[in-house]
PDB file of N, CA and C in Angstrom:
ATOM      1  N   MET A   1     173.330-203.740  19.936  1.00  0.00           N
ATOM      2  CA  MET A   1     174.584-203.355  19.348  1.00  0.00           C
ATOM      3  C   MET A   1     174.584-201.832  19.137  1.00  0.00           C
ATOM      4  N   MET A   2     175.690-201.177  19.464  1.00  0.00           N
ATOM      5  CA  MET A   2     175.809-199.730  19.297  1.00  0.00           C
ATOM      6  C   MET A   2     176.287-199.409  17.884  1.00  0.00           C
ATOM      7  N   SER A   3     175.778-198.314  17.340  1.00  0.00           N
ATOM      8  CA  SER A   3     176.227-197.882  16.018  1.00  0.00           C
ATOM      9  C   SER A   3     177.502-197.066  16.152  1.00  0.00           C
ATOM     10  N   ASN A   4     178.269-197.031  15.091  1.00  0.00           N
ATOM     11  CA  ASN A   4     179.501-196.245  15.069  1.00  0.00           C
ATOM     12  C   ASN A   4     179.237-194.913  14.399  1.00  0.00           C
ATOM     13  N   GLY A   5     179.639-193.835  15.033  1.00  0.00           N
ATOM     14  CA  GLY A   5     179.520-192.511  14.433  1.00  0.00           C
ATOM     15  C   GLY A   5     178.159-191.874  14.634  1.00  0.00           C
ATOM     16  N   CYS A   6     178.074-190.655  14.203  1.00  0.00           N
ATOM     17  CA  CYS A   6     176.868-189.843  14.323  1.00  0.00           C
ATOM     18  C   CYS A   6     176.034-189.979  13.056  1.00  0.00           C
ATOM     19  N   SER A   7     174.722-189.976  13.208  1.00  0.00           N
ATOM     20  CA  SER A   7     173.854-190.093  12.040  1.00  0.00           C
ATOM     21  C   SER A   7     173.918-188.865  11.130  1.00  0.00           C
ATOM     22  N   HIS A   8     174.470-187.753  11.628  1.00  0.00           N
ATOM     23  CA  HIS A   8     174.571-186.527  10.828  1.00  0.00           C
ATOM     24  C   HIS A   8     175.950-186.353  10.213  1.00  0.00           C
ATOM     25  N   GLU A   9     176.807-187.354  10.411  1.00  0.00           N
ATOM     26  CA  GLU A   9     178.183-187.258   9.929  1.00  0.00           C
ATOM     27  C   GLU A   9     178.257-187.009   8.422  1.00  0.00           C
ATOM     28  N   SER A  10     177.310-187.505   7.668  1.00  0.00           N
ATOM     29  CA  SER A  10     177.333-187.338   6.215  1.00  0.00           C
ATOM     30  C   SER A  10     177.076-185.895   5.782  1.00  0.00           C
ATOM     31  N   THR A  11     176.565-185.033   6.684  1.00  0.00           N
ATOM     32  CA  THR A  11     176.290-183.641   6.325  1.00  0.00           C
ATOM     33  C   THR A  11     177.498-182.735   6.539  1.00  0.00           C
ATOM     34  N   ILE A  12     178.541-183.254   7.171  1.00  0.00           N
ATOM     35  CA  ILE A  12     179.739-182.444   7.440  1.00  0.00           C
ATOM     36  C   ILE A  12     180.513-182.260   6.140  1.00  0.00           C
ATOM     37  N   GLN A  13     180.832-180.999   5.849  1.00  0.00           N
ATOM     38  CA  GLN A  13     181.568-180.687   4.624  1.00  0.00           C
ATOM     39  C   GLN A  13     182.441-179.466   4.836  1.00  0.00           C
ATOM     40  N   GLN A  14     183.327-179.205   3.877  1.00  0.00           N
ATOM     41  CA  GLN A  14     184.123-177.983   3.894  1.00  0.00           C
ATOM     42  C   GLN A  14     183.171-176.833   3.589  1.00  0.00           C
ATOM     43  N   VAL A  15     183.188-175.807   4.412  1.00  0.00           N
ATOM     44  CA  VAL A  15     182.294-174.670   4.215  1.00  0.00           C
ATOM     45  C   VAL A  15     183.085-173.373   4.304  1.00  0.00           C
ATOM     46  N   THR A  16     182.536-172.326   3.731  1.00  0.00           N
ATOM     47  CA  THR A  16     183.076-170.980   3.869  1.00  0.00           C
ATOM     48  C   THR A  16     182.248-170.273   4.929  1.00  0.00           C
ATOM     49  N   PRO A  17     182.891-169.766   6.003  1.00  0.00           N
ATOM     50  CA  PRO A  17     182.125-169.063   7.036  1.00  0.00           C
ATOM     51  C   PRO A  17     181.328-167.907   6.435  1.00  0.00           C
ATOM     52  N   SER A  18     180.111-167.747   6.904  1.00  0.00           N
ATOM     53  CA  SER A  18     179.208-166.727   6.373  1.00  0.00           C
ATOM     54  C   SER A  18     179.535-165.324   6.866  1.00  0.00           C
ATOM     55  N   ALA A  19     180.328-165.201   7.922  1.00  0.00           N
ATOM     56  CA  ALA A  19     180.661-163.888   8.495  1.00  0.00           C
ATOM     57  C   ALA A  19     181.928-164.016   9.331  1.00  0.00           C
ATOM     58  N   LYS A  20     182.470-162.887   9.760  1.00  0.00           N
ATOM     59  CA  LYS A  20     183.664-162.889  10.611  1.00  0.00           C
ATOM     60  C   LYS A  20     183.316-162.944  12.092  1.00  0.00           C
ATOM     61  N   GLY A  21     182.053-163.092  12.397  1.00  0.00           N
ATOM     62  CA  GLY A  21     181.559-163.205  13.767  1.00  0.00           C
ATOM     63  C   GLY A  21     180.136-163.696  13.704  1.00  0.00           C
ATOM     64  N   CYS A  22     179.467-163.721  14.828  1.00  0.00           N
ATOM     65  CA  CYS A  22     178.067-164.137  14.858  1.00  0.00           C
ATOM     66  C   CYS A  22     177.254-163.182  13.984  1.00  0.00           C
ATOM     67  N   GLU A  23     176.618-163.735  12.953  1.00  0.00           N
ATOM     68  CA  GLU A  23     175.864-162.890  12.016  1.00  0.00           C
ATOM     69  C   GLU A  23     174.833-162.026  12.733  1.00  0.00           C
ATOM     70  N   GLU A  24     174.073-162.622  13.611  1.00  0.00           N
ATOM     71  CA  GLU A  24     172.996-161.908  14.288  1.00  0.00           C
ATOM     72  C   GLU A  24     173.541-160.853  15.252  1.00  0.00           C
ATOM     73  N   CYS A  25     174.595-161.199  16.005  1.00  0.00           N
ATOM     74  CA  CYS A  25     175.193-160.230  16.935  1.00  0.00           C
ATOM     75  C   CYS A  25     175.785-159.044  16.176  1.00  0.00           C
ATOM     76  N   LEU A  26     176.445-159.317  15.051  1.00  0.00           N
ATOM     77  CA  LEU A  26     177.009-158.225  14.248  1.00  0.00           C
ATOM     78  C   LEU A  26     175.924-157.275  13.775  1.00  0.00           C
ATOM     79  N   LYS A  27     174.794-157.816  13.345  1.00  0.00           N
ATOM     80  CA  LYS A  27     173.694-156.975  12.852  1.00  0.00           C
ATOM     81  C   LYS A  27     173.143-156.066  13.942  1.00  0.00           C
ATOM     82  N   MET A  28     173.127-156.542  15.193  1.00  0.00           N
ATOM     83  CA  MET A  28     172.542-155.742  16.269  1.00  0.00           C
ATOM     84  C   MET A  28     173.590-155.026  17.119  1.00  0.00           C
ATOM     85  N   GLY A  29     174.869-155.125  16.749  1.00  0.00           N
ATOM     86  CA  GLY A  29     175.923-154.432  17.474  1.00  0.00           C
ATOM     87  C   GLY A  29     176.229-155.038  18.824  1.00  0.00           C
ATOM     88  N   SER A  30     175.959-156.325  18.979  1.00  0.00           N
ATOM     89  CA  SER A  30     176.191-157.013  20.248  1.00  0.00           C
ATOM     90  C   SER A  30     177.516-157.777  20.199  1.00  0.00           C
ATOM     91  N   TYR A  31     177.815-158.506  21.249  1.00  0.00           N
ATOM     92  CA  TYR A  31     179.055-159.274  21.319  1.00  0.00           C
ATOM     93  C   TYR A  31     178.732-160.736  21.615  1.00  0.00           C
ATOM     94  N   TRP A  32     179.741-161.585  21.498  1.00  0.00           N
ATOM     95  CA  TRP A  32     179.579-163.008  21.744  1.00  0.00           C
ATOM     96  C   TRP A  32     180.732-163.493  22.605  1.00  0.00           C
ATOM     97  N   VAL A  33     180.564-164.674  23.199  1.00  0.00           N
ATOM     98  CA  VAL A  33     181.606-165.287  24.020  1.00  0.00           C
ATOM     99  C   VAL A  33     182.461-166.210  23.149  1.00  0.00           C
ATOM    100  N   HIS A  34     181.829-167.140  22.468  1.00  0.00           N
ATOM    101  CA  HIS A  34     182.501-168.053  21.548  1.00  0.00           C
ATOM    102  C   HIS A  34     181.668-168.158  20.282  1.00  0.00           C
ATOM    103  N   LEU A  35     182.308-168.561  19.204  1.00  0.00           N
ATOM    104  CA  LEU A  35     181.600-168.709  17.933  1.00  0.00           C
ATOM    105  C   LEU A  35     181.411-170.183  17.594  1.00  0.00           C
ATOM    106  N   ARG A  36     180.369-170.460  16.832  1.00  0.00           N
ATOM    107  CA  ARG A  36     180.081-171.800  16.340  1.00  0.00           C
ATOM    108  C   ARG A  36     179.908-171.712  14.826  1.00  0.00           C
ATOM    109  N   LEU A  37     180.533-172.648  14.115  1.00  0.00           N
ATOM    110  CA  LEU A  37     180.443-172.706  12.666  1.00  0.00           C
ATOM    111  C   LEU A  37     179.659-173.943  12.277  1.00  0.00           C
ATOM    112  N   CYS A  38     178.584-173.756  11.543  1.00  0.00           N
ATOM    113  CA  CYS A  38     177.803-174.888  11.046  1.00  0.00           C
ATOM    114  C   CYS A  38     178.590-175.537   9.920  1.00  0.00           C
ATOM    115  N   ARG A  39     178.909-176.814  10.074  1.00  0.00           N
ATOM    116  CA  ARG A  39     179.697-177.526   9.080  1.00  0.00           C
ATOM    117  C   ARG A  39     178.850-178.083   7.946  1.00  0.00           C
ATOM    118  N   SER A  40     177.555-177.761   7.948  1.00  0.00           N
ATOM    119  CA  SER A  40     176.722-178.161   6.817  1.00  0.00           C
ATOM    120  C   SER A  40     176.356-176.973   5.933  1.00  0.00           C
ATOM    121  N   CYS A  41     176.264-175.740   6.514  1.00  0.00           N
ATOM    122  CA  CYS A  41     175.862-174.590   5.690  1.00  0.00           C
ATOM    123  C   CYS A  41     176.810-173.390   5.789  1.00  0.00           C
ATOM    124  N   GLY A  42     177.714-173.356   6.778  1.00  0.00           N
ATOM    125  CA  GLY A  42     178.656-172.252   6.915  1.00  0.00           C
ATOM    126  C   GLY A  42     178.179-171.108   7.793  1.00  0.00           C
ATOM    127  N   HIS A  43     176.987-171.234   8.364  1.00  0.00           N
ATOM    128  CA  HIS A  43     176.461-170.173   9.234  1.00  0.00           C
ATOM    129  C   HIS A  43     177.356-170.008  10.457  1.00  0.00           C
ATOM    130  N   VAL A  44     177.669-168.757  10.801  1.00  0.00           N
ATOM    131  CA  VAL A  44     178.441-168.459  12.002  1.00  0.00           C
ATOM    132  C   VAL A  44     177.490-167.876  13.033  1.00  0.00           C
ATOM    133  N   GLY A  45     177.450-168.486  14.201  1.00  0.00           N
ATOM    134  CA  GLY A  45     176.603-168.020  15.289  1.00  0.00           C
ATOM    135  C   GLY A  45     177.367-168.035  16.594  1.00  0.00           C
ATOM    136  N   CYS A  46     176.791-167.452  17.607  1.00  0.00           N
ATOM    137  CA  CYS A  46     177.430-167.434  18.921  1.00  0.00           C
ATOM    138  C   CYS A  46     177.026-168.681  19.716  1.00  0.00           C
ATOM    139  N   CYS A  47     177.670-168.883  20.843  1.00  0.00           N
ATOM    140  CA  CYS A  47     177.396-170.055  21.674  1.00  0.00           C
ATOM    141  C   CYS A  47     176.282-169.752  22.683  1.00  0.00           C
ATOM    142  N   ASP A  48     175.845-170.782  23.377  1.00  0.00           N
ATOM    143  CA  ASP A  48     174.780-170.618  24.367  1.00  0.00           C
ATOM    144  C   ASP A  48     175.230-169.847  25.608  1.00  0.00           C
ATOM    145  N   ASP A  49     176.530-169.612  25.764  1.00  0.00           N
ATOM    146  CA  ASP A  49     177.022-168.783  26.872  1.00  0.00           C
ATOM    147  C   ASP A  49     177.012-167.296  26.507  1.00  0.00           C
ATOM    148  N   SER A  50     176.783-166.986  25.256  1.00  0.00           N
ATOM    149  CA  SER A  50     176.727-165.594  24.804  1.00  0.00           C
ATOM    150  C   SER A  50     175.398-164.969  25.213  1.00  0.00           C
ATOM    151  N   PRO A  51     175.346-163.645  25.364  1.00  0.00           N
ATOM    152  CA  PRO A  51     174.120-162.989  25.840  1.00  0.00           C
ATOM    153  C   PRO A  51     172.879-163.285  25.007  1.00  0.00           C
ATOM    154  N   ASN A  52     173.034-163.383  23.689  1.00  0.00           N
ATOM    155  CA  ASN A  52     171.860-163.545  22.836  1.00  0.00           C
ATOM    156  C   ASN A  52     171.520-164.990  22.498  1.00  0.00           C
ATOM    157  N   ARG A  53     172.426-165.907  22.757  1.00  0.00           N
ATOM    158  CA  ARG A  53     172.189-167.353  22.598  1.00  0.00           C
ATOM    159  C   ARG A  53     171.520-167.704  21.269  1.00  0.00           C
ATOM    160  N   PHE A  54     172.073-167.232  20.169  1.00  0.00           N
ATOM    161  CA  PHE A  54     171.438-167.456  18.875  1.00  0.00           C
ATOM    162  C   PHE A  54     171.332-168.924  18.456  1.00  0.00           C
ATOM    163  N   PRO A  55     172.274-169.806  18.786  1.00  0.00           N
ATOM    164  CA  PRO A  55     172.066-171.209  18.386  1.00  0.00           C
ATOM    165  C   PRO A  55     170.769-171.788  18.939  1.00  0.00           C
ATOM    166  N   ALA A  56     170.389-171.402  20.130  1.00  0.00           N
ATOM    167  CA  ALA A  56     169.150-171.907  20.729  1.00  0.00           C
ATOM    168  C   ALA A  56     167.926-171.344  20.016  1.00  0.00           C
ATOM    169  N   GLN A  57     168.113-170.292  19.224  1.00  0.00           N
ATOM    170  CA  GLN A  57     166.999-169.644  18.540  1.00  0.00           C
ATOM    171  C   GLN A  57     166.891-170.034  17.066  1.00  0.00           C
ATOM    172  N   TRP A  58     167.794-170.894  16.581  1.00  0.00           N
ATOM    173  CA  TRP A  58     167.733-171.269  15.170  1.00  0.00           C
ATOM    174  C   TRP A  58     166.438-171.968  14.853  1.00  0.00           C
ATOM    175  N   ASP A  59     165.916-171.713  13.690  1.00  0.00           N
ATOM    176  CA  ASP A  59     164.658-172.292  13.234  1.00  0.00           C
ATOM    177  C   ASP A  59     164.835-173.789  12.982  1.00  0.00           C
ATOM    178  N   PRO A  60     164.069-174.646  13.645  1.00  0.00           N
ATOM    179  CA  PRO A  60     164.228-176.094  13.452  1.00  0.00           C
ATOM    180  C   PRO A  60     163.987-176.539  12.012  1.00  0.00           C
ATOM    181  N   LYS A  61     163.270-175.739  11.218  1.00  0.00           N
ATOM    182  CA  LYS A  61     163.039-176.084   9.816  1.00  0.00           C
ATOM    183  C   LYS A  61     164.327-176.066   9.002  1.00  0.00           C
ATOM    184  N   LEU A  62     165.356-175.395   9.533  1.00  0.00           N
ATOM    185  CA  LEU A  62     166.630-175.354   8.828  1.00  0.00           C
ATOM    186  C   LEU A  62     167.373-176.671   8.943  1.00  0.00           C
ATOM    187  N   GLY A  63     166.981-177.519   9.868  1.00  0.00           N
ATOM    188  CA  GLY A  63     167.656-178.807  10.060  1.00  0.00           C
ATOM    189  C   GLY A  63     168.757-178.710  11.086  1.00  0.00           C
ATOM    190  N   ILE A  64     169.494-179.769  11.217  1.00  0.00           N
ATOM    191  CA  ILE A  64     170.571-179.821  12.218  1.00  0.00           C
ATOM    192  C   ILE A  64     171.720-178.917  11.791  1.00  0.00           C
ATOM    193  N   HIS A  65     172.365-178.308  12.765  1.00  0.00           N
ATOM    194  CA  HIS A  65     173.549-177.499  12.512  1.00  0.00           C
ATOM    195  C   HIS A  65     174.722-178.203  13.167  1.00  0.00           C
ATOM    196  N   VAL A  66     175.614-178.726  12.374  1.00  0.00           N
ATOM    197  CA  VAL A  66     176.748-179.486  12.863  1.00  0.00           C
ATOM    198  C   VAL A  66     177.899-178.526  13.120  1.00  0.00           C
ATOM    199  N   THR A  67     178.340-178.429  14.371  1.00  0.00           N
ATOM    200  CA  THR A  67     179.423-177.510  14.728  1.00  0.00           C
ATOM    201  C   THR A  67     180.666-178.259  15.100  1.00  0.00           C
TER     202      THR A  67
END
């Protein structure tokens, strides 16, 4: 039997974005292609198509980032 929904669905909440763009790209003066908002903590990062690919570099100890 298949389960309904995602196991991380309970972590989705209303969040305040942490920045007006990718936090890491802004700090280094770089650019991004698309932005991703973590719906569990509010972190704003760039997508995997962006030059710096920050979502792929997130520390796994932080847990899942629901976008």
